[in-house]
N, C-alpha and C. Protein backbone atom coordinates (compact mmCIF):
# COMPACT_ATOMS: atom_id res chain seq x y z
N UNK A 1 -35.68 -30.34 -2.91
CA UNK A 1 -35.07 -29.35 -3.44
C UNK A 1 -34.26 -28.99 -2.17
N UNK A 2 -33.31 -28.38 -2.80
CA UNK A 2 -32.28 -27.72 -1.49
C UNK A 2 -32.62 -26.28 -1.26
N UNK A 3 -32.60 -25.95 -0.01
CA UNK A 3 -32.89 -24.77 0.47
C UNK A 3 -31.63 -24.12 0.77
N UNK A 4 -31.55 -22.89 -0.12
CA UNK A 4 -30.10 -22.29 -0.01
C UNK A 4 -30.21 -20.96 0.95
N UNK A 5 -31.42 -20.80 1.73
CA UNK A 5 -31.48 -19.63 2.51
C UNK A 5 -30.14 -19.89 3.44
N UNK A 6 -30.38 -20.65 4.39
CA UNK A 6 -29.41 -20.77 5.65
C UNK A 6 -27.81 -20.84 5.16
N UNK A 7 -27.65 -21.23 4.12
CA UNK A 7 -26.18 -20.99 3.41
C UNK A 7 -25.92 -19.34 3.32
N UNK A 8 -26.80 -18.77 2.75
CA UNK A 8 -26.61 -17.36 2.42
C UNK A 8 -26.77 -16.36 3.74
N UNK A 9 -27.37 -16.92 4.62
CA UNK A 9 -27.31 -16.28 5.69
C UNK A 9 -25.75 -16.55 6.59
N UNK A 10 -25.38 -17.73 6.40
CA UNK A 10 -24.20 -18.30 7.16
C UNK A 10 -22.93 -17.21 6.31
N UNK A 11 -23.16 -16.95 5.28
CA UNK A 11 -22.03 -16.47 4.45
C UNK A 11 -22.12 -14.81 4.82
N UNK A 12 -23.26 -14.51 4.83
CA UNK A 12 -23.60 -12.66 5.14
C UNK A 12 -22.98 -12.43 6.50
N UNK A 13 -23.42 -13.60 7.40
CA UNK A 13 -22.89 -13.36 8.80
C UNK A 13 -21.46 -13.38 8.75
N UNK A 14 -20.76 -14.29 8.14
CA UNK A 14 -19.13 -14.44 7.93
C UNK A 14 -18.47 -13.10 7.39
N UNK A 15 -18.95 -12.93 6.41
CA UNK A 15 -18.14 -11.90 5.38
C UNK A 15 -19.06 -10.36 5.41
N UNK A 16 -20.10 -10.47 6.10
CA UNK A 16 -20.76 -9.13 5.72
C UNK A 16 -20.71 -8.37 7.02
N UNK A 17 -21.17 -6.86 7.06
CA UNK A 17 -21.02 -6.28 8.12
C UNK A 17 -22.37 -5.58 8.40
N UNK A 18 -22.45 -4.87 9.56
CA UNK A 18 -23.82 -4.41 10.03
C UNK A 18 -24.12 -3.16 8.81
N UNK A 19 -25.29 -2.84 8.38
CA UNK A 19 -25.61 -1.94 7.48
C UNK A 19 -27.04 -1.48 8.15
N UNK A 20 -27.28 -0.35 7.78
CA UNK A 20 -28.69 0.06 7.69
C UNK A 20 -29.06 0.53 6.29
N UNK A 21 -30.28 0.09 5.52
CA UNK A 21 -30.81 0.82 4.58
C UNK A 21 -31.86 1.82 4.69
N UNK A 22 -31.72 2.79 3.91
CA UNK A 22 -32.31 4.04 4.36
C UNK A 22 -33.27 4.46 2.82
N UNK A 23 -34.61 3.74 2.90
CA UNK A 23 -35.46 3.94 1.90
C UNK A 23 -35.72 5.57 1.66
N UNK A 24 -36.05 6.06 0.44
CA UNK A 24 -36.22 7.45 0.45
C UNK A 24 -37.82 7.51 0.93
N UNK A 25 -38.58 6.69 0.78
CA UNK A 25 -39.96 7.01 1.13
C UNK A 25 -40.40 5.79 2.45
N UNK A 26 -39.56 5.21 3.36
CA UNK A 26 -39.88 4.20 4.06
C UNK A 26 -38.76 4.41 5.43
N UNK A 27 -39.44 3.32 6.42
CA UNK A 27 -38.41 3.39 7.37
C UNK A 27 -36.94 2.48 7.49
N UNK A 28 -36.08 2.96 8.23
CA UNK A 28 -34.58 2.02 7.82
C UNK A 28 -34.97 0.66 8.14
N UNK A 29 -33.95 -0.14 7.62
CA UNK A 29 -33.99 -1.50 7.85
C UNK A 29 -32.69 -1.93 8.24
N UNK A 30 -32.46 -2.45 9.45
CA UNK A 30 -31.06 -3.11 9.81
C UNK A 30 -30.97 -4.38 9.01
N UNK A 31 -29.60 -4.60 8.33
CA UNK A 31 -29.52 -5.63 7.58
C UNK A 31 -27.92 -6.06 7.74
N UNK A 32 -27.43 -7.53 7.27
CA UNK A 32 -25.97 -7.59 7.02
C UNK A 32 -25.78 -7.28 5.70
N UNK A 33 -24.56 -6.89 5.03
CA UNK A 33 -24.39 -6.50 3.83
C UNK A 33 -22.86 -6.65 3.57
N UNK A 34 -22.49 -7.30 2.38
CA UNK A 34 -21.22 -7.68 2.03
C UNK A 34 -20.75 -6.31 0.81
N UNK A 35 -20.05 -5.53 1.19
CA UNK A 35 -19.59 -4.27 0.14
C UNK A 35 -18.57 -4.91 -0.45
N UNK A 36 -18.29 -4.35 -1.79
CA UNK A 36 -17.42 -4.76 -2.73
C UNK A 36 -16.81 -3.41 -3.34
N UNK A 37 -15.69 -3.10 -2.80
CA UNK A 37 -15.07 -1.56 -3.19
C UNK A 37 -13.94 -1.62 -4.29
N UNK A 38 -14.19 -0.83 -4.97
CA UNK A 38 -13.41 -0.74 -6.40
C UNK A 38 -13.49 -2.17 -7.04
N UNK A 39 -14.61 -2.82 -7.60
CA UNK A 39 -14.77 -3.91 -8.08
C UNK A 39 -14.71 -3.76 -9.51
N UNK A 40 -14.22 -4.38 -10.41
CA UNK A 40 -14.07 -4.11 -11.64
C UNK A 40 -15.41 -4.73 -12.52
N UNK A 41 -15.74 -3.95 -13.14
CA UNK A 41 -17.26 -4.60 -13.98
C UNK A 41 -17.11 -4.19 -15.49
N UNK A 42 -17.27 -4.89 -16.33
CA UNK A 42 -17.39 -4.72 -17.65
C UNK A 42 -18.90 -3.96 -18.13
N UNK A 43 -18.65 -2.88 -18.89
CA UNK A 43 -19.76 -2.11 -19.42
C UNK A 43 -20.02 -2.44 -20.77
N UNK A 44 -20.77 -2.04 -21.36
CA UNK A 44 -21.40 -1.95 -22.95
C UNK A 44 -19.84 -1.39 -23.62
N UNK A 45 -19.88 -2.30 -24.60
CA UNK A 45 -18.70 -2.12 -25.51
C UNK A 45 -17.50 -2.70 -25.03
N UNK A 46 -17.33 -3.58 -24.13
CA UNK A 46 -16.23 -4.23 -23.67
C UNK A 46 -15.44 -3.12 -22.63
N UNK A 47 -15.63 -1.97 -22.34
CA UNK A 47 -14.86 -0.89 -21.41
C UNK A 47 -15.18 -1.71 -19.95
N UNK A 48 -14.11 -1.70 -19.33
CA UNK A 48 -13.93 -1.95 -17.90
C UNK A 48 -14.31 -0.64 -16.80
N UNK A 49 -14.67 -0.69 -15.97
CA UNK A 49 -15.01 0.35 -14.87
C UNK A 49 -14.82 -0.08 -13.38
N UNK A 50 -14.31 0.66 -12.74
CA UNK A 50 -14.25 0.18 -11.10
C UNK A 50 -15.68 0.86 -10.46
N UNK A 51 -16.35 0.07 -9.45
CA UNK A 51 -17.37 0.70 -8.83
C UNK A 51 -17.64 -0.21 -7.74
N UNK A 52 -18.39 0.45 -7.00
CA UNK A 52 -18.70 -0.24 -5.64
C UNK A 52 -20.07 -0.77 -5.63
N UNK A 53 -20.17 -1.82 -5.02
CA UNK A 53 -21.32 -2.54 -5.04
C UNK A 53 -21.92 -3.49 -3.81
N UNK A 54 -22.82 -3.44 -3.39
CA UNK A 54 -23.14 -4.33 -2.11
C UNK A 54 -23.99 -5.41 -2.26
N UNK A 55 -23.83 -6.37 -1.66
CA UNK A 55 -24.67 -7.55 -1.67
C UNK A 55 -25.81 -7.80 -0.43
N UNK A 56 -26.77 -8.03 -0.35
CA UNK A 56 -27.63 -8.58 0.67
C UNK A 56 -28.62 -9.60 0.46
N UNK A 57 -29.17 -9.90 1.44
CA UNK A 57 -30.47 -11.09 1.15
C UNK A 57 -31.52 -10.38 0.59
N UNK A 58 -32.27 -10.85 -0.41
CA UNK A 58 -33.17 -10.45 -1.11
C UNK A 58 -34.65 -10.72 -0.26
N UNK A 59 -35.36 -9.74 -0.61
CA UNK A 59 -36.60 -9.51 0.08
C UNK A 59 -36.53 -8.66 1.22
N UNK A 60 -35.49 -8.04 1.60
CA UNK A 60 -35.32 -7.34 2.83
C UNK A 60 -36.06 -5.86 2.40
N UNK A 61 -35.52 -5.68 1.09
CA UNK A 61 -36.00 -3.98 0.72
C UNK A 61 -36.13 -4.06 -0.67
N UNK A 62 -36.86 -3.14 -1.25
CA UNK A 62 -37.08 -3.07 -2.98
C UNK A 62 -35.87 -2.01 -3.17
N UNK A 63 -34.87 -2.03 -3.59
CA UNK A 63 -34.02 -1.11 -3.88
C UNK A 63 -34.40 -0.12 -5.09
N UNK A 64 -34.20 1.23 -4.76
CA UNK A 64 -34.16 2.20 -5.89
C UNK A 64 -33.32 3.15 -5.88
N UNK A 65 -32.99 3.84 -7.04
CA UNK A 65 -32.24 4.96 -7.02
C UNK A 65 -32.52 6.02 -6.20
N UNK A 66 -31.47 6.44 -5.47
CA UNK A 66 -31.71 7.61 -4.95
C UNK A 66 -31.88 6.95 -3.10
N UNK A 67 -32.07 5.78 -2.91
CA UNK A 67 -32.13 5.24 -1.86
C UNK A 67 -30.79 5.42 -1.02
N UNK A 68 -30.60 5.24 0.47
CA UNK A 68 -29.28 5.24 0.63
C UNK A 68 -28.92 4.12 1.60
N UNK A 69 -27.88 3.68 1.51
CA UNK A 69 -27.43 2.58 2.57
C UNK A 69 -25.97 2.94 3.30
N UNK A 70 -25.98 2.68 4.88
CA UNK A 70 -24.99 3.10 5.63
C UNK A 70 -24.00 2.04 6.02
N UNK A 71 -22.61 2.09 5.59
CA UNK A 71 -21.93 0.94 5.89
C UNK A 71 -20.86 1.51 7.09
N UNK A 72 -19.79 0.71 7.30
CA UNK A 72 -18.87 1.07 7.96
C UNK A 72 -17.89 2.56 7.15
N UNK A 73 -18.01 2.38 5.88
CA UNK A 73 -17.17 3.65 5.49
C UNK A 73 -17.93 4.70 5.28
N UNK A 74 -19.41 4.96 5.53
CA UNK A 74 -20.17 6.11 5.83
C UNK A 74 -21.33 5.64 4.87
N UNK A 75 -22.23 6.77 4.41
CA UNK A 75 -23.33 6.83 3.85
C UNK A 75 -23.41 6.70 2.16
N UNK A 76 -23.88 5.75 1.56
CA UNK A 76 -23.76 6.10 0.20
C UNK A 76 -25.18 5.99 -0.82
N UNK A 77 -25.35 6.34 -1.48
CA UNK A 77 -26.67 6.43 -2.45
C UNK A 77 -26.53 5.41 -3.43
N UNK A 78 -27.89 4.80 -3.45
CA UNK A 78 -28.07 3.67 -4.36
C UNK A 78 -28.28 4.20 -5.94
N UNK A 79 -27.25 3.69 -6.50
CA UNK A 79 -27.45 4.22 -8.25
C UNK A 79 -28.71 3.44 -8.98
N UNK A 80 -28.31 1.97 -8.66
CA UNK A 80 -29.34 1.03 -9.44
C UNK A 80 -29.23 -0.14 -8.92
N UNK A 81 -30.13 -1.22 -8.88
CA UNK A 81 -30.30 -2.71 -8.72
C UNK A 81 -29.56 -3.24 -9.82
N UNK A 82 -28.55 -4.00 -9.65
CA UNK A 82 -27.73 -4.71 -10.61
C UNK A 82 -28.37 -6.20 -10.85
N UNK A 83 -28.71 -6.83 -9.76
CA UNK A 83 -29.33 -8.18 -10.03
C UNK A 83 -30.22 -8.64 -8.56
N UNK A 84 -30.92 -9.76 -8.88
CA UNK A 84 -31.87 -10.24 -7.76
C UNK A 84 -31.98 -11.85 -8.09
N UNK A 85 -31.19 -12.45 -7.70
CA UNK A 85 -31.47 -14.04 -8.12
C UNK A 85 -32.70 -14.50 -7.26
N UNK A 86 -33.26 -13.92 -6.35
CA UNK A 86 -33.87 -14.47 -5.31
C UNK A 86 -33.33 -14.93 -3.88
N UNK A 87 -31.98 -14.99 -3.99
CA UNK A 87 -31.49 -15.11 -2.70
C UNK A 87 -30.64 -13.94 -2.22
N UNK A 88 -29.92 -13.40 -3.22
CA UNK A 88 -28.84 -12.31 -2.88
C UNK A 88 -29.38 -11.15 -3.91
N UNK A 89 -29.39 -9.82 -3.47
CA UNK A 89 -29.62 -8.40 -4.27
C UNK A 89 -28.24 -7.84 -4.33
N UNK A 90 -28.00 -7.49 -5.35
CA UNK A 90 -26.78 -6.58 -5.74
C UNK A 90 -27.07 -5.30 -6.18
N UNK A 91 -26.62 -4.29 -5.56
CA UNK A 91 -26.77 -3.24 -5.76
C UNK A 91 -25.83 -2.22 -6.33
N UNK A 92 -25.57 -1.18 -7.26
CA UNK A 92 -24.62 -0.72 -7.54
C UNK A 92 -24.58 1.15 -6.65
N UNK A 93 -23.69 1.26 -6.16
CA UNK A 93 -23.45 2.37 -5.32
C UNK A 93 -23.31 3.64 -6.10
N UNK A 94 -23.86 4.83 -5.74
CA UNK A 94 -23.29 5.87 -6.58
C UNK A 94 -22.14 6.72 -5.62
N UNK A 95 -22.47 8.07 -5.54
CA UNK A 95 -21.43 8.86 -4.78
C UNK A 95 -21.83 8.57 -3.20
N UNK A 96 -20.99 8.65 -2.23
CA UNK A 96 -21.07 8.80 -1.14
C UNK A 96 -21.25 10.21 -0.63
N UNK A 97 -22.28 10.13 0.62
CA UNK A 97 -23.00 11.34 1.23
C UNK A 97 -21.66 11.94 1.81
N UNK A 98 -21.55 13.31 1.69
CA UNK A 98 -20.60 14.05 2.48
C UNK A 98 -20.81 14.55 3.76
């Protein structure tokens, strides 16, 4: 079986930025994250919206609504986890902390 972990690590190092994940009830976690600002996404009913998402290696944290993540653009609130394929977790970010 092919081990994709090293490939995902290389991609995070090449395209990611330093980030700090701040769980609502835990210790901060330093990580590499790949943000996608103003990314188009299809919602129910075929409506397209723009939103901000961030990808990071699976298993580093268990994302929950209300957690925060600090990127180079500031600190954002986590809205929800969108996907986790066992390698990469994608979360949808809500509002930016002021």
